[in-house]
Amino acid sequence: MIFVSICIGSSCHLKGSQKMVELFEEKIKSENLDDEVILSGSFCLGKCNREGVTLTVGDGINEEIIAGVKPESFNEFWNTKIAPNLNK
């Protein structure tokens, strides 16, 4: 199981966090991954000075903070950070 938390604080909101939420929801639904990817929102993760949205990705024990993710780079992000960790 993979846990993804998207910053929805004001700075990330202005940088496209709502679009990132939508992209994740669409991908999770289209690939039937409701039991594999747990999506949530969070407030500031302390990387507001960076370009793009900040997310955390983890397994429930360890997590990585990734800053600067843009809606335009969603597929690359998914393919490098999410897909390789799926149990399918």
C-alpha atoms as a PDB file:
ATOM      1  CA  MET A   1       0.000   0.000   0.000  1.00  0.00           C
ATOM      2  CA  ILE A   2       1.208   3.482  -0.864  1.00  0.00           C
ATOM      3  CA  PHE A   3       0.207   6.604   1.020  1.00  0.00           C
ATOM      4  CA  VAL A   4       0.241   9.891  -0.912  1.00  0.00           C
ATOM      5  CA  SER A   5      -0.439  13.192   0.795  1.00  0.00           C
ATOM      6  CA  ILE A   6      -0.766  16.336  -1.306  1.00  0.00           C
ATOM      7  CA  CYS A   7      -0.190  19.732   0.252  1.00  0.00           C
ATOM      8  CA  ILE A   8      -3.334  21.806  -0.151  1.00  0.00           C
ATOM      9  CA  GLY A   9      -2.038  24.840   1.730  1.00  0.00           C
ATOM     10  CA  SER A  10      -2.329  28.272   0.131  1.00  0.00           C
ATOM     11  CA  SER A  11       1.027  28.272  -1.643  1.00  0.00           C
ATOM     12  CA  CYS A  12       0.579  24.796  -3.145  1.00  0.00           C
ATOM     13  CA  HIS A  13      -3.038  25.559  -3.960  1.00  0.00           C
ATOM     14  CA  LEU A  14      -1.849  28.456  -6.120  1.00  0.00           C
ATOM     15  CA  LYS A  15       0.672  26.124  -7.777  1.00  0.00           C
ATOM     16  CA  GLY A  16      -1.908  23.515  -8.799  1.00  0.00           C
ATOM     17  CA  SER A  17      -2.597  21.195  -5.869  1.00  0.00           C
ATOM     18  CA  GLN A  18      -6.293  20.898  -6.786  1.00  0.00           C
ATOM     19  CA  LYS A  19      -5.327  19.679 -10.254  1.00  0.00           C
ATOM     20  CA  MET A  20      -2.886  17.201  -8.691  1.00  0.00           C
ATOM     21  CA  VAL A  21      -5.680  15.837  -6.482  1.00  0.00           C
ATOM     22  CA  GLU A  22      -7.887  15.412  -9.560  1.00  0.00           C
ATOM     23  CA  LEU A  23      -5.109  13.670 -11.513  1.00  0.00           C
ATOM     24  CA  PHE A  24      -4.468  11.236  -8.661  1.00  0.00           C
ATOM     25  CA  GLU A  25      -8.179  10.518  -8.208  1.00  0.00           C
ATOM     26  CA  GLU A  26      -8.597   9.833 -11.942  1.00  0.00           C
ATOM     27  CA  LYS A  27      -5.542   7.556 -12.115  1.00  0.00           C
ATOM     28  CA  ILE A  28      -6.473   5.604  -8.986  1.00  0.00           C
ATOM     29  CA  LYS A  29     -10.012   5.090 -10.276  1.00  0.00           C
ATOM     30  CA  SER A  30      -9.045   4.205 -13.870  1.00  0.00           C
ATOM     31  CA  GLU A  31      -6.523   1.596 -12.705  1.00  0.00           C
ATOM     32  CA  ASN A  32      -8.763   0.280  -9.907  1.00  0.00           C
ATOM     33  CA  LEU A  33      -6.158   1.063  -7.243  1.00  0.00           C
ATOM     34  CA  ASP A  34      -8.471   2.122  -4.407  1.00  0.00           C
ATOM     35  CA  ASP A  35      -6.968  -0.585  -2.184  1.00  0.00           C
ATOM     36  CA  GLU A  36      -3.376   0.164  -3.213  1.00  0.00           C
ATOM     37  CA  VAL A  37      -3.052   3.967  -3.126  1.00  0.00           C
ATOM     38  CA  ILE A  38      -4.380   5.986  -0.193  1.00  0.00           C
ATOM     39  CA  LEU A  39      -4.728   9.653  -1.101  1.00  0.00           C
ATOM     40  CA  SER A  40      -5.011  12.438   1.454  1.00  0.00           C
ATOM     41  CA  GLY A  41      -4.410  16.146   1.795  1.00  0.00           C
ATOM     42  CA  SER A  42      -2.195  18.015   4.203  1.00  0.00           C
ATOM     43  CA  PHE A  43      -1.314  21.561   4.995  1.00  0.00           C
ATOM     44  CA  CYS A  44       2.129  23.104   4.659  1.00  0.00           C
ATOM     45  CA  LEU A  45       4.994  20.639   4.427  1.00  0.00           C
ATOM     46  CA  GLY A  46       7.604  23.392   4.631  1.00  0.00           C
ATOM     47  CA  LYS A  47       8.693  23.499   0.991  1.00  0.00           C
ATOM     48  CA  CYS A  48       6.664  26.534  -0.078  1.00  0.00           C
ATOM     49  CA  ASN A  49       9.624  28.330  -1.594  1.00  0.00           C
ATOM     50  CA  ARG A  50       9.861  25.763  -4.358  1.00  0.00           C
ATOM     51  CA  GLU A  51       8.096  25.661  -7.714  1.00  0.00           C
ATOM     52  CA  GLY A  52       5.196  23.229  -7.944  1.00  0.00           C
ATOM     53  CA  VAL A  53       3.266  21.235  -5.374  1.00  0.00           C
ATOM     54  CA  THR A  54       4.752  19.364  -2.412  1.00  0.00           C
ATOM     55  CA  LEU A  55       3.713  15.763  -1.735  1.00  0.00           C
ATOM     56  CA  THR A  56       4.679  12.976   0.593  1.00  0.00           C
ATOM     57  CA  VAL A  57       4.860   9.389  -0.592  1.00  0.00           C
ATOM     58  CA  GLY A  58       5.388   6.478   1.740  1.00  0.00           C
ATOM     59  CA  ASP A  59       4.477   3.020   2.914  1.00  0.00           C
ATOM     60  CA  GLY A  60       2.953   4.048   6.232  1.00  0.00           C
ATOM     61  CA  ILE A  61       6.273   3.846   8.071  1.00  0.00           C
ATOM     62  CA  ASN A  62       8.745   5.694   5.874  1.00  0.00           C
ATOM     63  CA  GLU A  63       7.831   8.689   3.797  1.00  0.00           C
ATOM     64  CA  GLU A  64       9.608  10.940   1.352  1.00  0.00           C
ATOM     65  CA  ILE A  65       8.782  14.624   0.892  1.00  0.00           C
ATOM     66  CA  ILE A  66       8.900  15.563  -2.769  1.00  0.00           C
ATOM     67  CA  ALA A  67       8.702  19.220  -3.730  1.00  0.00           C
ATOM     68  CA  GLY A  68       8.134  20.853  -7.078  1.00  0.00           C
ATOM     69  CA  VAL A  69       5.687  18.429  -8.677  1.00  0.00           C
ATOM     70  CA  LYS A  70       3.594  20.064 -11.380  1.00  0.00           C
ATOM     71  CA  PRO A  71       0.414  18.802 -13.015  1.00  0.00           C
ATOM     72  CA  GLU A  72       2.356  18.694 -16.301  1.00  0.00           C
ATOM     73  CA  SER A  73       4.823  16.211 -14.784  1.00  0.00           C
ATOM     74  CA  PHE A  74       2.182  13.986 -13.154  1.00  0.00           C
ATOM     75  CA  ASN A  75       2.741  11.006 -15.463  1.00  0.00           C
ATOM     76  CA  GLU A  76       6.492  11.061 -14.905  1.00  0.00           C
ATOM     77  CA  PHE A  77       5.940  11.340 -11.150  1.00  0.00           C
ATOM     78  CA  TRP A  78       3.460   8.430 -11.194  1.00  0.00           C
ATOM     79  CA  ASN A  79       5.775   6.249 -13.278  1.00  0.00           C
ATOM     80  CA  THR A  80       8.838   6.854 -11.104  1.00  0.00           C
ATOM     81  CA  LYS A  81       7.439   7.204  -7.585  1.00  0.00           C
ATOM     82  CA  ILE A  82       4.127   5.306  -7.519  1.00  0.00           C
ATOM     83  CA  ALA A  83       3.947   2.571 -10.169  1.00  0.00           C
ATOM     84  CA  PRO A  84       7.195   0.780  -9.180  1.00  0.00           C
ATOM     85  CA  ASN A  85       5.864   0.394  -5.612  1.00  0.00           C
ATOM     86  CA  LEU A  86       2.474  -1.083  -6.450  1.00  0.00           C
ATOM     87  CA  ASN A  87       1.800  -4.680  -5.438  1.00  0.00           C
ATOM     88  CA  LYS A  88       0.183  -5.576  -8.745  1.00  0.00           C
END
